[in-house]
Amino acid sequence: MFEGTVIHGDGRGKTLGFPTANIDIPVKKTGVSEGIYAGTARVLGKEYKAACLINWKKNKVEVHLLDIDDIDLYGANMEVTLLMQVSKYEPISSMEELKQKIADDVDRCRTALRK
């Protein structure tokens, strides 16, 4: 488990249909390898199922709350618990490929969280 404050990102996830909460925490403090993880996020007094990206190269932690469309989390503290890695991080050049990769990863997270 790790926690940090939700900060503004570049808005790319939202543009692709998968908004993310960017966590202000150095990636090395997560203690996990780079990749996409199924887990939970506790924020604003509620717990949500989540897909989480750990990107060592960009020093980024991004959390997509599953099945939550529009919620303002900026400035909130978020606790993230990673349950299992569902895929490796892969740099992708095309926006269409990226959107499909994210959709596949989110589906993997949903499946993992049902077990």
PDB file of N, CA and C in Angstrom:
ATOM      1  N   MET A   1       0.844  -1.173   0.000  1.00  0.00           N
ATOM      2  CA  MET A   1       0.000   0.000   0.000  1.00  0.00           C
ATOM      3  C   MET A   1       0.889   1.236   0.000  1.00  0.00           C
ATOM      4  N   PHE A   2       0.432   2.284  -0.683  1.00  0.00           N
ATOM      5  CA  PHE A   2       1.102   3.571  -0.662  1.00  0.00           C
ATOM      6  C   PHE A   2       0.036   4.649  -0.761  1.00  0.00           C
ATOM      7  N   GLU A   3       0.408   5.867  -0.477  1.00  0.00           N
ATOM      8  CA  GLU A   3      -0.562   6.954  -0.567  1.00  0.00           C
ATOM      9  C   GLU A   3       0.110   8.235  -0.996  1.00  0.00           C
ATOM     10  N   GLY A   4      -0.704   9.146  -1.516  1.00  0.00           N
ATOM     11  CA  GLY A   4      -0.213  10.444  -1.945  1.00  0.00           C
ATOM     12  C   GLY A   4      -1.372  11.346  -2.315  1.00  0.00           C
ATOM     13  N   THR A   5      -1.040  12.559  -2.638  1.00  0.00           N
ATOM     14  CA  THR A   5      -2.043  13.563  -3.019  1.00  0.00           C
ATOM     15  C   THR A   5      -2.328  13.476  -4.512  1.00  0.00           C
ATOM     16  N   VAL A   6      -3.595  13.613  -4.903  1.00  0.00           N
ATOM     17  CA  VAL A   6      -3.979  13.618  -6.308  1.00  0.00           C
ATOM     18  C   VAL A   6      -3.629  14.984  -6.895  1.00  0.00           C
ATOM     19  N   ILE A   7      -2.846  14.957  -7.969  1.00  0.00           N
ATOM     20  CA  ILE A   7      -2.404  16.190  -8.633  1.00  0.00           C
ATOM     21  C   ILE A   7      -2.871  16.201 -10.090  1.00  0.00           C
ATOM     22  N   HIS A   8      -2.770  17.370 -10.726  1.00  0.00           N
ATOM     23  CA  HIS A   8      -3.125  17.479 -12.140  1.00  0.00           C
ATOM     24  C   HIS A   8      -2.088  16.778 -12.993  1.00  0.00           C
ATOM     25  N   GLY A   9      -2.564  16.076 -14.014  1.00  0.00           N
ATOM     26  CA  GLY A   9      -1.690  15.454 -15.001  1.00  0.00           C
ATOM     27  C   GLY A   9      -1.853  16.177 -16.322  1.00  0.00           C
ATOM     28  N   ASP A  10      -1.582  15.488 -17.409  1.00  0.00           N
ATOM     29  CA  ASP A  10      -1.701  16.119 -18.721  1.00  0.00           C
ATOM     30  C   ASP A  10      -3.076  15.927 -19.359  1.00  0.00           C
ATOM     31  N   GLY A  11      -3.985  15.192 -18.705  1.00  0.00           N
ATOM     32  CA  GLY A  11      -5.349  15.012 -19.209  1.00  0.00           C
ATOM     33  C   GLY A  11      -5.483  13.974 -20.307  1.00  0.00           C
ATOM     34  N   ARG A  12      -4.407  13.270 -20.602  1.00  0.00           N
ATOM     35  CA  ARG A  12      -4.416  12.301 -21.699  1.00  0.00           C
ATOM     36  C   ARG A  12      -5.373  11.137 -21.434  1.00  0.00           C
ATOM     37  N   GLY A  13      -5.395  10.634 -20.197  1.00  0.00           N
ATOM     38  CA  GLY A  13      -6.292   9.523 -19.867  1.00  0.00           C
ATOM     39  C   GLY A  13      -7.750   9.879 -20.097  1.00  0.00           C
ATOM     40  N   LYS A  14      -8.131  11.058 -19.677  1.00  0.00           N
ATOM     41  CA  LYS A  14      -9.520  11.508 -19.861  1.00  0.00           C
ATOM     42  C   LYS A  14      -9.857  11.615 -21.349  1.00  0.00           C
ATOM     43  N   THR A  15      -8.914  12.134 -22.134  1.00  0.00           N
ATOM     44  CA  THR A  15      -9.110  12.253 -23.582  1.00  0.00           C
ATOM     45  C   THR A  15      -9.338  10.886 -24.217  1.00  0.00           C
ATOM     46  N   LEU A  16      -8.672   9.869 -23.690  1.00  0.00           N
ATOM     47  CA  LEU A  16      -8.793   8.514 -24.222  1.00  0.00           C
ATOM     48  C   LEU A  16      -9.994   7.754 -23.657  1.00  0.00           C
ATOM     49  N   GLY A  17     -10.727   8.375 -22.734  1.00  0.00           N
ATOM     50  CA  GLY A  17     -11.901   7.734 -22.146  1.00  0.00           C
ATOM     51  C   GLY A  17     -11.616   6.987 -20.860  1.00  0.00           C
ATOM     52  N   PHE A  18     -10.399   7.153 -20.322  1.00  0.00           N
ATOM     53  CA  PHE A  18      -9.998   6.485 -19.090  1.00  0.00           C
ATOM     54  C   PHE A  18      -9.320   7.493 -18.170  1.00  0.00           C
ATOM     55  N   PRO A  19     -10.119   8.355 -17.522  1.00  0.00           N
ATOM     56  CA  PRO A  19      -9.504   9.379 -16.661  1.00  0.00           C
ATOM     57  C   PRO A  19      -8.709   8.747 -15.522  1.00  0.00           C
ATOM     58  N   THR A  20      -7.602   9.375 -15.192  1.00  0.00           N
ATOM     59  CA  THR A  20      -6.760   8.857 -14.120  1.00  0.00           C
ATOM     60  C   THR A  20      -6.501   9.924 -13.069  1.00  0.00           C
ATOM     61  N   ALA A  21      -6.292   9.457 -11.866  1.00  0.00           N
ATOM     62  CA  ALA A  21      -5.834  10.314 -10.771  1.00  0.00           C
ATOM     63  C   ALA A  21      -4.322  10.139 -10.716  1.00  0.00           C
ATOM     64  N   ASN A  22      -3.593  11.216 -10.893  1.00  0.00           N
ATOM     65  CA  ASN A  22      -2.140  11.180 -10.816  1.00  0.00           C
ATOM     66  C   ASN A  22      -1.752  11.392  -9.360  1.00  0.00           C
ATOM     67  N   ILE A  23      -0.947  10.472  -8.838  1.00  0.00           N
ATOM     68  CA  ILE A  23      -0.582  10.516  -7.425  1.00  0.00           C
ATOM     69  C   ILE A  23       0.801  11.140  -7.282  1.00  0.00           C
ATOM     70  N   ASP A  24       0.895  12.115  -6.402  1.00  0.00           N
ATOM     71  CA  ASP A  24       2.161  12.798  -6.143  1.00  0.00           C
ATOM     72  C   ASP A  24       2.994  11.967  -5.171  1.00  0.00           C
ATOM     73  N   ILE A  25       3.692  10.980  -5.736  1.00  0.00           N
ATOM     74  CA  ILE A  25       4.559  10.110  -4.948  1.00  0.00           C
ATOM     75  C   ILE A  25       5.685   9.638  -5.865  1.00  0.00           C
ATOM     76  N   PRO A  26       6.908   9.637  -5.392  1.00  0.00           N
ATOM     77  CA  PRO A  26       7.977   9.070  -6.217  1.00  0.00           C
ATOM     78  C   PRO A  26       7.708   7.591  -6.467  1.00  0.00           C
ATOM     79  N   VAL A  27       7.837   7.154  -7.702  1.00  0.00           N
ATOM     80  CA  VAL A  27       7.532   5.777  -8.065  1.00  0.00           C
ATOM     81  C   VAL A  27       8.298   4.781  -7.204  1.00  0.00           C
ATOM     82  N   LYS A  28       9.548   5.084  -6.885  1.00  0.00           N
ATOM     83  CA  LYS A  28      10.338   4.124  -6.095  1.00  0.00           C
ATOM     84  C   LYS A  28       9.716   3.856  -4.728  1.00  0.00           C
ATOM     85  N   LYS A  29       8.913   4.784  -4.217  1.00  0.00           N
ATOM     86  CA  LYS A  29       8.267   4.574  -2.918  1.00  0.00           C
ATOM     87  C   LYS A  29       7.106   3.591  -2.982  1.00  0.00           C
ATOM     88  N   THR A  30       6.655   3.239  -4.196  1.00  0.00           N
ATOM     89  CA  THR A  30       5.588   2.250  -4.320  1.00  0.00           C
ATOM     90  C   THR A  30       6.114   0.851  -4.020  1.00  0.00           C
ATOM     91  N   GLY A  31       7.397   0.633  -4.244  1.00  0.00           N
ATOM     92  CA  GLY A  31       8.004  -0.659  -3.962  1.00  0.00           C
ATOM     93  C   GLY A  31       7.634  -1.766  -4.931  1.00  0.00           C
ATOM     94  N   VAL A  32       7.100  -1.410  -6.109  1.00  0.00           N
ATOM     95  CA  VAL A  32       6.705  -2.432  -7.084  1.00  0.00           C
ATOM     96  C   VAL A  32       7.357  -2.159  -8.433  1.00  0.00           C
ATOM     97  N   SER A  33       7.365  -3.177  -9.269  1.00  0.00           N
ATOM     98  CA  SER A  33       7.937  -3.023 -10.604  1.00  0.00           C
ATOM     99  C   SER A  33       6.948  -2.324 -11.535  1.00  0.00           C
ATOM    100  N   GLU A  34       7.482  -1.845 -12.631  1.00  0.00           N
ATOM    101  CA  GLU A  34       6.685  -1.129 -13.623  1.00  0.00           C
ATOM    102  C   GLU A  34       5.618  -2.057 -14.206  1.00  0.00           C
ATOM    103  N   GLY A  35       4.423  -1.516 -14.420  1.00  0.00           N
ATOM    104  CA  GLY A  35       3.354  -2.305 -15.017  1.00  0.00           C
ATOM    105  C   GLY A  35       1.983  -1.779 -14.660  1.00  0.00           C
ATOM    106  N   ILE A  36       0.979  -2.567 -15.029  1.00  0.00           N
ATOM    107  CA  ILE A  36      -0.419  -2.223 -14.747  1.00  0.00           C
ATOM    108  C   ILE A  36      -0.927  -3.229 -13.718  1.00  0.00           C
ATOM    109  N   TYR A  37      -1.592  -2.693 -12.684  1.00  0.00           N
ATOM    110  CA  TYR A  37      -2.031  -3.494 -11.542  1.00  0.00           C
ATOM    111  C   TYR A  37      -3.527  -3.325 -11.288  1.00  0.00           C
ATOM    112  N   ALA A  38      -4.157  -4.403 -10.848  1.00  0.00           N
ATOM    113  CA  ALA A  38      -5.517  -4.347 -10.318  1.00  0.00           C
ATOM    114  C   ALA A  38      -5.382  -4.082  -8.826  1.00  0.00           C
ATOM    115  N   GLY A  39      -6.266  -3.228  -8.312  1.00  0.00           N
ATOM    116  CA  GLY A  39      -6.192  -2.939  -6.888  1.00  0.00           C
ATOM    117  C   GLY A  39      -7.386  -2.142  -6.414  1.00  0.00           C
ATOM    118  N   THR A  40      -7.199  -1.494  -5.289  1.00  0.00           N
ATOM    119  CA  THR A  40      -8.244  -0.633  -4.732  1.00  0.00           C
ATOM    120  C   THR A  40      -7.646   0.721  -4.403  1.00  0.00           C
ATOM    121  N   ALA A  41      -8.522   1.715  -4.399  1.00  0.00           N
ATOM    122  CA  ALA A  41      -8.122   3.077  -4.041  1.00  0.00           C
ATOM    123  C   ALA A  41      -9.113   3.614  -3.020  1.00  0.00           C
ATOM    124  N   ARG A  42      -8.603   4.104  -1.917  1.00  0.00           N
ATOM    125  CA  ARG A  42      -9.444   4.721  -0.896  1.00  0.00           C
ATOM    126  C   ARG A  42      -9.214   6.217  -0.973  1.00  0.00           C
ATOM    127  N   VAL A  43     -10.310   6.951  -1.242  1.00  0.00           N
ATOM    128  CA  VAL A  43     -10.235   8.401  -1.382  1.00  0.00           C
ATOM    129  C   VAL A  43     -11.585   9.010  -1.005  1.00  0.00           C
ATOM    130  N   LEU A  44     -11.549  10.149  -0.370  1.00  0.00           N
ATOM    131  CA  LEU A  44     -12.771  10.851   0.045  1.00  0.00           C
ATOM    132  C   LEU A  44     -13.707   9.941   0.840  1.00  0.00           C
ATOM    133  N   GLY A  45     -13.133   9.066   1.664  1.00  0.00           N
ATOM    134  CA  GLY A  45     -13.920   8.223   2.548  1.00  0.00           C
ATOM    135  C   GLY A  45     -14.557   7.008   1.906  1.00  0.00           C
ATOM    136  N   LYS A  46     -14.228   6.730   0.634  1.00  0.00           N
ATOM    137  CA  LYS A  46     -14.803   5.565  -0.042  1.00  0.00           C
ATOM    138  C   LYS A  46     -13.693   4.728  -0.651  1.00  0.00           C
ATOM    139  N   GLU A  47     -14.001   3.447  -0.850  1.00  0.00           N
ATOM    140  CA  GLU A  47     -13.051   2.561  -1.503  1.00  0.00           C
ATOM    141  C   GLU A  47     -13.589   2.178  -2.880  1.00  0.00           C
ATOM    142  N   TYR A  48     -12.709   2.234  -3.878  1.00  0.00           N
ATOM    143  CA  TYR A  48     -13.076   1.943  -5.261  1.00  0.00           C
ATOM    144  C   TYR A  48     -12.166   0.853  -5.820  1.00  0.00           C
ATOM    145  N   LYS A  49     -12.700   0.062  -6.748  1.00  0.00           N
ATOM    146  CA  LYS A  49     -11.861  -0.842  -7.526  1.00  0.00           C
ATOM    147  C   LYS A  49     -11.085   0.027  -8.513  1.00  0.00           C
ATOM    148  N   ALA A  50      -9.835  -0.386  -8.803  1.00  0.00           N
ATOM    149  CA  ALA A  50      -8.992   0.483  -9.608  1.00  0.00           C
ATOM    150  C   ALA A  50      -8.014  -0.283 -10.487  1.00  0.00           C
ATOM    151  N   ALA A  51      -7.603   0.394 -11.555  1.00  0.00           N
ATOM    152  CA  ALA A  51      -6.492  -0.035 -12.400  1.00  0.00           C
ATOM    153  C   ALA A  51      -5.399   1.001 -12.185  1.00  0.00           C
ATOM    154  N   CYS A  52      -4.186   0.532 -11.966  1.00  0.00           N
ATOM    155  CA  CYS A  52      -3.099   1.445 -11.617  1.00  0.00           C
ATOM    156  C   CYS A  52      -1.897   1.230 -12.539  1.00  0.00           C
ATOM    157  N   LEU A  53      -1.377   2.319 -13.069  1.00  0.00           N
ATOM    158  CA  LEU A  53      -0.178   2.295 -13.903  1.00  0.00           C
ATOM    159  C   LEU A  53       1.010   2.774 -13.080  1.00  0.00           C
ATOM    160  N   ILE A  54       2.053   1.966 -13.065  1.00  0.00           N
ATOM    161  CA  ILE A  54       3.324   2.359 -12.458  1.00  0.00           C
ATOM    162  C   ILE A  54       4.309   2.483 -13.614  1.00  0.00           C
ATOM    163  N   ASN A  55       4.783   3.696 -13.866  1.00  0.00           N
ATOM    164  CA  ASN A  55       5.691   3.960 -14.979  1.00  0.00           C
ATOM    165  C   ASN A  55       6.996   4.517 -14.419  1.00  0.00           C
ATOM    166  N   TRP A  56       8.011   3.673 -14.338  1.00  0.00           N
ATOM    167  CA  TRP A  56       9.296   4.078 -13.772  1.00  0.00           C
ATOM    168  C   TRP A  56       9.992   5.130 -14.628  1.00  0.00           C
ATOM    169  N   LYS A  57       9.930   4.997 -15.946  1.00  0.00           N
ATOM    170  CA  LYS A  57      10.650   5.914 -16.829  1.00  0.00           C
ATOM    171  C   LYS A  57      10.155   7.357 -16.695  1.00  0.00           C
ATOM    172  N   LYS A  58       8.847   7.509 -16.525  1.00  0.00           N
ATOM    173  CA  LYS A  58       8.276   8.857 -16.389  1.00  0.00           C
ATOM    174  C   LYS A  58       8.013   9.230 -14.938  1.00  0.00           C
ATOM    175  N   ASN A  59       8.405   8.341 -14.001  1.00  0.00           N
ATOM    176  CA  ASN A  59       8.187   8.565 -12.572  1.00  0.00           C
ATOM    177  C   ASN A  59       6.718   8.918 -12.298  1.00  0.00           C
ATOM    178  N   LYS A  60       5.815   8.067 -12.833  1.00  0.00           N
ATOM    179  CA  LYS A  60       4.377   8.324 -12.753  1.00  0.00           C
ATOM    180  C   LYS A  60       3.628   7.202 -12.066  1.00  0.00           C
ATOM    181  N   VAL A  61       2.655   7.607 -11.258  1.00  0.00           N
ATOM    182  CA  VAL A  61       1.673   6.678 -10.699  1.00  0.00           C
ATOM    183  C   VAL A  61       0.309   7.239 -11.082  1.00  0.00           C
ATOM    184  N   GLU A  62      -0.450   6.459 -11.864  1.00  0.00           N
ATOM    185  CA  GLU A  62      -1.776   6.891 -12.304  1.00  0.00           C
ATOM    186  C   GLU A  62      -2.804   5.835 -11.914  1.00  0.00           C
ATOM    187  N   VAL A  63      -3.937   6.291 -11.401  1.00  0.00           N
ATOM    188  CA  VAL A  63      -4.977   5.385 -10.940  1.00  0.00           C
ATOM    189  C   VAL A  63      -6.288   5.703 -11.656  1.00  0.00           C
ATOM    190  N   HIS A  64      -6.851   4.688 -12.300  1.00  0.00           N
ATOM    191  CA  HIS A  64      -8.155   4.811 -12.957  1.00  0.00           C
ATOM    192  C   HIS A  64      -9.172   4.088 -12.081  1.00  0.00           C
ATOM    193  N   LEU A  65     -10.150   4.825 -11.573  1.00  0.00           N
ATOM    194  CA  LEU A  65     -11.216   4.218 -10.768  1.00  0.00           C
ATOM    195  C   LEU A  65     -12.205   3.554 -11.710  1.00  0.00           C
ATOM    196  N   LEU A  66     -12.428   2.252 -11.512  1.00  0.00           N
ATOM    197  CA  LEU A  66     -13.301   1.507 -12.409  1.00  0.00           C
ATOM    198  C   LEU A  66     -14.754   1.933 -12.247  1.00  0.00           C
ATOM    199  N   ASP A  67     -15.386   2.181 -13.384  1.00  0.00           N
ATOM    200  CA  ASP A  67     -16.818   2.498 -13.452  1.00  0.00           C
ATOM    201  C   ASP A  67     -17.201   3.785 -12.719  1.00  0.00           C
ATOM    202  N   ILE A  68     -16.261   4.707 -12.586  1.00  0.00           N
ATOM    203  CA  ILE A  68     -16.534   6.024 -12.011  1.00  0.00           C
ATOM    204  C   ILE A  68     -16.242   7.045 -13.104  1.00  0.00           C
ATOM    205  N   ASP A  69     -17.261   7.814 -13.505  1.00  0.00           N
ATOM    206  CA  ASP A  69     -17.083   8.716 -14.636  1.00  0.00           C
ATOM    207  C   ASP A  69     -16.500  10.066 -14.268  1.00  0.00           C
ATOM    208  N   ASP A  70     -17.122  10.760 -13.351  1.00  0.00           N
ATOM    209  CA  ASP A  70     -16.703  12.131 -13.112  1.00  0.00           C
ATOM    210  C   ASP A  70     -16.694  12.420 -11.616  1.00  0.00           C
ATOM    211  N   ILE A  71     -15.491  12.551 -11.084  1.00  0.00           N
ATOM    212  CA  ILE A  71     -15.346  12.834  -9.666  1.00  0.00           C
ATOM    213  C   ILE A  71     -14.114  13.720  -9.510  1.00  0.00           C
ATOM    214  N   ASP A  72     -14.254  14.794  -8.769  1.00  0.00           N
ATOM    215  CA  ASP A  72     -13.142  15.724  -8.570  1.00  0.00           C
ATOM    216  C   ASP A  72     -12.305  15.258  -7.388  1.00  0.00           C
ATOM    217  N   LEU A  73     -11.093  14.815  -7.676  1.00  0.00           N
ATOM    218  CA  LEU A  73     -10.211  14.285  -6.648  1.00  0.00           C
ATOM    219  C   LEU A  73      -8.993  15.166  -6.384  1.00  0.00           C
ATOM    220  N   TYR A  74      -8.844  16.237  -7.137  1.00  0.00           N
ATOM    221  CA  TYR A  74      -7.646  17.072  -7.010  1.00  0.00           C
ATOM    222  C   TYR A  74      -7.450  17.556  -5.578  1.00  0.00           C
ATOM    223  N   GLY A  75      -6.252  17.318  -5.074  1.00  0.00           N
ATOM    224  CA  GLY A  75      -5.909  17.734  -3.721  1.00  0.00           C
ATOM    225  C   GLY A  75      -6.260  16.729  -2.644  1.00  0.00           C
ATOM    226  N   ALA A  76      -7.023  15.689  -3.012  1.00  0.00           N
ATOM    227  CA  ALA A  76      -7.412  14.663  -2.027  1.00  0.00           C
ATOM    228  C   ALA A  76      -6.267  13.682  -1.806  1.00  0.00           C
ATOM    229  N   ASN A  77      -6.219  13.100  -0.625  1.00  0.00           N
ATOM    230  CA  ASN A  77      -5.253  12.042  -0.332  1.00  0.00           C
ATOM    231  C   ASN A  77      -5.853  10.720  -0.803  1.00  0.00           C
ATOM    232  N   MET A  78      -5.049   9.920  -1.513  1.00  0.00           N
ATOM    233  CA  MET A  78      -5.514   8.625  -2.009  1.00  0.00           C
ATOM    234  C   MET A  78      -4.576   7.529  -1.508  1.00  0.00           C
ATOM    235  N   GLU A  79      -5.180   6.484  -0.932  1.00  0.00           N
ATOM    236  CA  GLU A  79      -4.452   5.278  -0.521  1.00  0.00           C
ATOM    237  C   GLU A  79      -4.682   4.216  -1.579  1.00  0.00           C
ATOM    238  N   VAL A  80      -3.618   3.641  -2.081  1.00  0.00           N
ATOM    239  CA  VAL A  80      -3.716   2.640  -3.141  1.00  0.00           C
ATOM    240  C   VAL A  80      -3.149   1.316  -2.643  1.00  0.00           C
ATOM    241  N   THR A  81      -3.926   0.263  -2.846  1.00  0.00           N
ATOM    242  CA  THR A  81      -3.473  -1.088  -2.528  1.00  0.00           C
ATOM    243  C   THR A  81      -3.466  -1.881  -3.832  1.00  0.00           C
ATOM    244  N   LEU A  82      -2.290  -2.372  -4.212  1.00  0.00           N
ATOM    245  CA  LEU A  82      -2.164  -3.163  -5.431  1.00  0.00           C
ATOM    246  C   LEU A  82      -2.341  -4.631  -5.076  1.00  0.00           C
ATOM    247  N   LEU A  83      -3.205  -5.323  -5.835  1.00  0.00           N
ATOM    248  CA  LEU A  83      -3.496  -6.722  -5.540  1.00  0.00           C
ATOM    249  C   LEU A  83      -2.763  -7.688  -6.461  1.00  0.00           C
ATOM    250  N   MET A  84      -2.670  -7.316  -7.746  1.00  0.00           N
ATOM    251  CA  MET A  84      -1.923  -8.166  -8.668  1.00  0.00           C
ATOM    252  C   MET A  84      -1.592  -7.421  -9.949  1.00  0.00           C
ATOM    253  N   GLN A  85      -0.449  -7.764 -10.537  1.00  0.00           N
ATOM    254  CA  GLN A  85      -0.062  -7.170 -11.813  1.00  0.00           C
ATOM    255  C   GLN A  85      -0.826  -7.887 -12.919  1.00  0.00           C
ATOM    256  N   VAL A  86      -1.441  -7.103 -13.818  1.00  0.00           N
ATOM    257  CA  VAL A  86      -2.209  -7.711 -14.910  1.00  0.00           C
ATOM    258  C   VAL A  86      -1.482  -7.623 -16.241  1.00  0.00           C
ATOM    259  N   SER A  87      -0.524  -6.710 -16.377  1.00  0.00           N
ATOM    260  CA  SER A  87       0.283  -6.650 -17.600  1.00  0.00           C
ATOM    261  C   SER A  87       1.516  -5.796 -17.369  1.00  0.00           C
ATOM    262  N   LYS A  88       2.436  -5.918 -18.293  1.00  0.00           N
ATOM    263  CA  LYS A  88       3.658  -5.119 -18.267  1.00  0.00           C
ATOM    264  C   LYS A  88       3.382  -3.777 -18.920  1.00  0.00           C
ATOM    265  N   TYR A  89       4.174  -2.789 -18.561  1.00  0.00           N
ATOM    266  CA  TYR A  89       4.089  -1.492 -19.221  1.00  0.00           C
ATOM    267  C   TYR A  89       4.770  -1.605 -20.579  1.00  0.00           C
ATOM    268  N   GLU A  90       4.097  -1.115 -21.614  1.00  0.00           N
ATOM    269  CA  GLU A  90       4.646  -1.123 -22.966  1.00  0.00           C
ATOM    270  C   GLU A  90       4.449   0.246 -23.589  1.00  0.00           C
ATOM    271  N   PRO A  91       5.527   0.908 -24.001  1.00  0.00           N
ATOM    272  CA  PRO A  91       5.358   2.174 -24.719  1.00  0.00           C
ATOM    273  C   PRO A  91       4.647   1.905 -26.054  1.00  0.00           C
ATOM    274  N   ILE A  92       3.641   2.704 -26.364  1.00  0.00           N
ATOM    275  CA  ILE A  92       2.862   2.520 -27.595  1.00  0.00           C
ATOM    276  C   ILE A  92       2.809   3.855 -28.325  1.00  0.00           C
ATOM    277  N   SER A  93       3.020   3.817 -29.628  1.00  0.00           N
ATOM    278  CA  SER A  93       3.111   5.062 -30.399  1.00  0.00           C
ATOM    279  C   SER A  93       1.768   5.552 -30.941  1.00  0.00           C
ATOM    280  N   SER A  94       0.885   4.669 -31.308  1.00  0.00           N
ATOM    281  CA  SER A  94      -0.390   5.071 -31.909  1.00  0.00           C
ATOM    282  C   SER A  94      -1.465   5.268 -30.837  1.00  0.00           C
ATOM    283  N   MET A  95      -2.262   6.308 -30.991  1.00  0.00           N
ATOM    284  CA  MET A  95      -3.341   6.585 -30.038  1.00  0.00           C
ATOM    285  C   MET A  95      -4.382   5.470 -30.041  1.00  0.00           C
ATOM    286  N   GLU A  96      -4.696   4.921 -31.203  1.00  0.00           N
ATOM    287  CA  GLU A  96      -5.671   3.829 -31.279  1.00  0.00           C
ATOM    288  C   GLU A  96      -5.158   2.582 -30.566  1.00  0.00           C
ATOM    289  N   GLU A  97      -3.875   2.255 -30.769  1.00  0.00           N
ATOM    290  CA  GLU A  97      -3.287   1.102 -30.074  1.00  0.00           C
ATOM    291  C   GLU A  97      -3.281   1.334 -28.561  1.00  0.00           C
ATOM    292  N   LEU A  98      -2.954   2.567 -28.161  1.00  0.00           N
ATOM    293  CA  LEU A  98      -2.919   2.902 -26.738  1.00  0.00           C
ATOM    294  C   LEU A  98      -4.305   2.750 -26.115  1.00  0.00           C
ATOM    295  N   LYS A  99      -5.316   3.258 -26.800  1.00  0.00           N
ATOM    296  CA  LYS A  99      -6.684   3.156 -26.293  1.00  0.00           C
ATOM    297  C   LYS A  99      -7.097   1.694 -26.141  1.00  0.00           C
ATOM    298  N   GLN A 100      -6.735   0.843 -27.113  1.00  0.00           N
ATOM    299  CA  GLN A 100      -7.067  -0.574 -27.048  1.00  0.00           C
ATOM    300  C   GLN A 100      -6.308  -1.260 -25.919  1.00  0.00           C
ATOM    301  N   LYS A 101      -5.028  -0.915 -25.739  1.00  0.00           N
ATOM    302  CA  LYS A 101      -4.211  -1.502 -24.662  1.00  0.00           C
ATOM    303  C   LYS A 101      -4.807  -1.151 -23.299  1.00  0.00           C
ATOM    304  N   ILE A 102      -5.204   0.112 -23.132  1.00  0.00           N
ATOM    305  CA  ILE A 102      -5.809   0.535 -21.865  1.00  0.00           C
ATOM    306  C   ILE A 102      -7.116  -0.216 -21.621  1.00  0.00           C
ATOM    307  N   ALA A 103      -7.951  -0.318 -22.656  1.00  0.00           N
ATOM    308  CA  ALA A 103      -9.232  -1.034 -22.520  1.00  0.00           C
ATOM    309  C   ALA A 103      -8.993  -2.492 -22.122  1.00  0.00           C
ATOM    310  N   ASP A 104      -7.998  -3.128 -22.758  1.00  0.00           N
ATOM    311  CA  ASP A 104      -7.674  -4.523 -22.420  1.00  0.00           C
ATOM    312  C   ASP A 104      -7.189  -4.634 -20.976  1.00  0.00           C
ATOM    313  N   ASP A 105      -6.324  -3.708 -20.558  1.00  0.00           N
ATOM    314  CA  ASP A 105      -5.806  -3.727 -19.190  1.00  0.00           C
ATOM    315  C   ASP A 105      -6.912  -3.495 -18.161  1.00  0.00           C
ATOM    316  N   VAL A 106      -7.819  -2.582 -18.462  1.00  0.00           N
ATOM    317  CA  VAL A 106      -8.941  -2.320 -17.549  1.00  0.00           C
ATOM    318  C   VAL A 106      -9.812  -3.569 -17.434  1.00  0.00           C
ATOM    319  N   ASP A 107     -10.053  -4.248 -18.547  1.00  0.00           N
ATOM    320  CA  ASP A 107     -10.822  -5.505 -18.510  1.00  0.00           C
ATOM    321  C   ASP A 107     -10.112  -6.559 -17.662  1.00  0.00           C
ATOM    322  N   ARG A 108      -8.780  -6.647 -17.799  1.00  0.00           N
ATOM    323  CA  ARG A 108      -8.009  -7.592 -16.986  1.00  0.00           C
ATOM    324  C   ARG A 108      -8.147  -7.258 -15.494  1.00  0.00           C
ATOM    325  N   CYS A 109      -8.134  -5.979 -15.180  1.00  0.00           N
ATOM    326  CA  CYS A 109      -8.293  -5.557 -13.794  1.00  0.00           C
ATOM    327  C   CYS A 109      -9.661  -5.939 -13.258  1.00  0.00           C
ATOM    328  N   ARG A 110     -10.694  -5.690 -14.040  1.00  0.00           N
ATOM    329  CA  ARG A 110     -12.050  -6.062 -13.615  1.00  0.00           C
ATOM    330  C   ARG A 110     -12.131  -7.551 -13.326  1.00  0.00           C
ATOM    331  N   THR A 111     -11.587  -8.351 -14.229  1.00  0.00           N
ATOM    332  CA  THR A 111     -11.604  -9.813 -14.061  1.00  0.00           C
ATOM    333  C   THR A 111     -10.846 -10.202 -12.799  1.00  0.00           C
ATOM    334  N   ALA A 112      -9.674  -9.641 -12.593  1.00  0.00           N
ATOM    335  CA  ALA A 112      -8.866  -9.965 -11.413  1.00  0.00           C
ATOM    336  C   ALA A 112      -9.567  -9.580 -10.126  1.00  0.00           C
ATOM    337  N   LEU A 113     -10.287  -8.481 -10.139  1.00  0.00           N
ATOM    338  CA  LEU A 113     -10.952  -7.997  -8.930  1.00  0.00           C
ATOM    339  C   LEU A 113     -12.241  -8.751  -8.616  1.00  0.00           C
ATOM    340  N   ARG A 114     -12.749  -9.527  -9.555  1.00  0.00           N
ATOM    341  CA  ARG A 114     -13.942 -10.351  -9.313  1.00  0.00           C
ATOM    342  C   ARG A 114     -13.613 -11.608  -8.542  1.00  0.00           C
ATOM    343  N   LYS A 115     -12.359 -12.024  -8.589  1.00  0.00           N
ATOM    344  CA  LYS A 115     -11.954 -13.291  -7.958  1.00  0.00           C
ATOM    345  C   LYS A 115     -11.906 -13.176  -6.461  1.00  0.00           C
TER     346      LYS A 115
END
